[in-house]
Amino acid sequence: MLNGATQISITKLDILFSDCAGKTSFTDLSDDAKAFIKNIENELNTPVTIIGTGPSVNDVIDRRN
């Protein structure tokens, strides 16, 4: 795990799931989009913390706490 990834960012979620365009909350995403993200987290054992949902600088979901 030396030099391994500790977080993942995903961009262009709005291209894969058009109903997620412009969303700024994880709870507002479609069930398919949430399942897609959770699958990535499970397969890579790394949290997805930043999700881009559109072209605007504000079209971002930040899951870091």
Protein backbone atom coordinates (compact mmCIF):
# COMPACT_ATOMS: atom_id res chain seq x y z
CA MET A 1 0.00 0.00 0.00
CA LEU A 2 3.02 2.29 -0.08
CA ASN A 3 2.16 5.21 -2.36
CA GLY A 4 -1.31 3.78 -2.98
CA ALA A 5 -4.38 5.87 -3.71
CA THR A 6 -6.30 7.01 -0.65
CA GLN A 7 -9.22 8.69 -2.48
CA ILE A 8 -10.77 8.62 -5.95
CA SER A 9 -12.30 11.43 -8.01
CA ILE A 10 -14.79 10.68 -10.77
CA THR A 11 -15.61 13.20 -13.47
CA LYS A 12 -18.22 13.25 -16.23
CA LEU A 13 -20.83 11.34 -14.22
CA ASP A 14 -23.40 13.44 -16.09
CA ILE A 15 -22.23 11.83 -19.36
CA LEU A 16 -22.84 8.30 -18.03
CA PHE A 17 -26.01 9.21 -16.15
CA SER A 18 -27.71 12.26 -17.69
CA ASP A 19 -30.23 12.49 -14.86
CA CYS A 20 -27.34 13.33 -12.49
CA ALA A 21 -26.32 16.51 -14.33
CA GLY A 22 -25.72 19.44 -12.01
CA LYS A 23 -26.39 17.52 -8.78
CA THR A 24 -24.46 18.64 -5.71
CA SER A 25 -25.56 16.00 -3.20
CA PHE A 26 -24.85 12.27 -3.24
CA THR A 27 -28.39 11.54 -2.04
CA ASP A 28 -29.79 13.31 -5.13
CA LEU A 29 -28.06 10.90 -7.53
CA SER A 30 -30.02 8.14 -9.23
CA ASP A 31 -29.87 4.65 -7.77
CA ASP A 32 -27.91 3.47 -10.82
CA ALA A 33 -25.29 6.19 -10.35
CA LYS A 34 -24.97 5.40 -6.64
CA ALA A 35 -24.56 1.70 -7.42
CA PHE A 36 -21.89 2.55 -10.02
CA ILE A 37 -19.92 4.59 -7.47
CA LYS A 38 -20.31 2.00 -4.71
CA ASN A 39 -19.12 -0.71 -7.11
CA ILE A 40 -15.96 1.29 -7.84
CA GLU A 41 -15.38 1.77 -4.10
CA ASN A 42 -15.84 -1.95 -3.42
CA GLU A 43 -13.64 -3.12 -6.30
CA LEU A 44 -10.80 -0.71 -5.53
CA ASN A 45 -11.27 -0.65 -1.74
CA THR A 46 -10.87 3.14 -1.90
CA PRO A 47 -13.52 5.80 -1.26
CA VAL A 48 -14.84 8.01 -4.07
CA THR A 49 -14.76 11.45 -2.49
CA ILE A 50 -15.12 13.92 -5.37
CA ILE A 51 -17.75 13.45 -8.10
CA GLY A 52 -18.06 15.78 -11.08
CA THR A 53 -21.63 16.12 -12.32
CA GLY A 54 -21.35 18.79 -15.00
CA PRO A 55 -19.27 21.46 -16.71
CA SER A 56 -19.77 24.21 -14.13
CA VAL A 57 -17.25 24.69 -11.35
CA ASN A 58 -20.12 24.18 -8.87
CA ASP A 59 -21.28 20.88 -10.42
CA VAL A 60 -19.36 18.83 -7.85
CA ILE A 61 -20.24 16.49 -5.01
CA ASP A 62 -17.63 16.59 -2.25
CA ARG A 63 -17.98 13.60 0.06
CA ARG A 64 -14.92 14.40 2.19
CA ASN A 65 -15.77 15.02 5.83
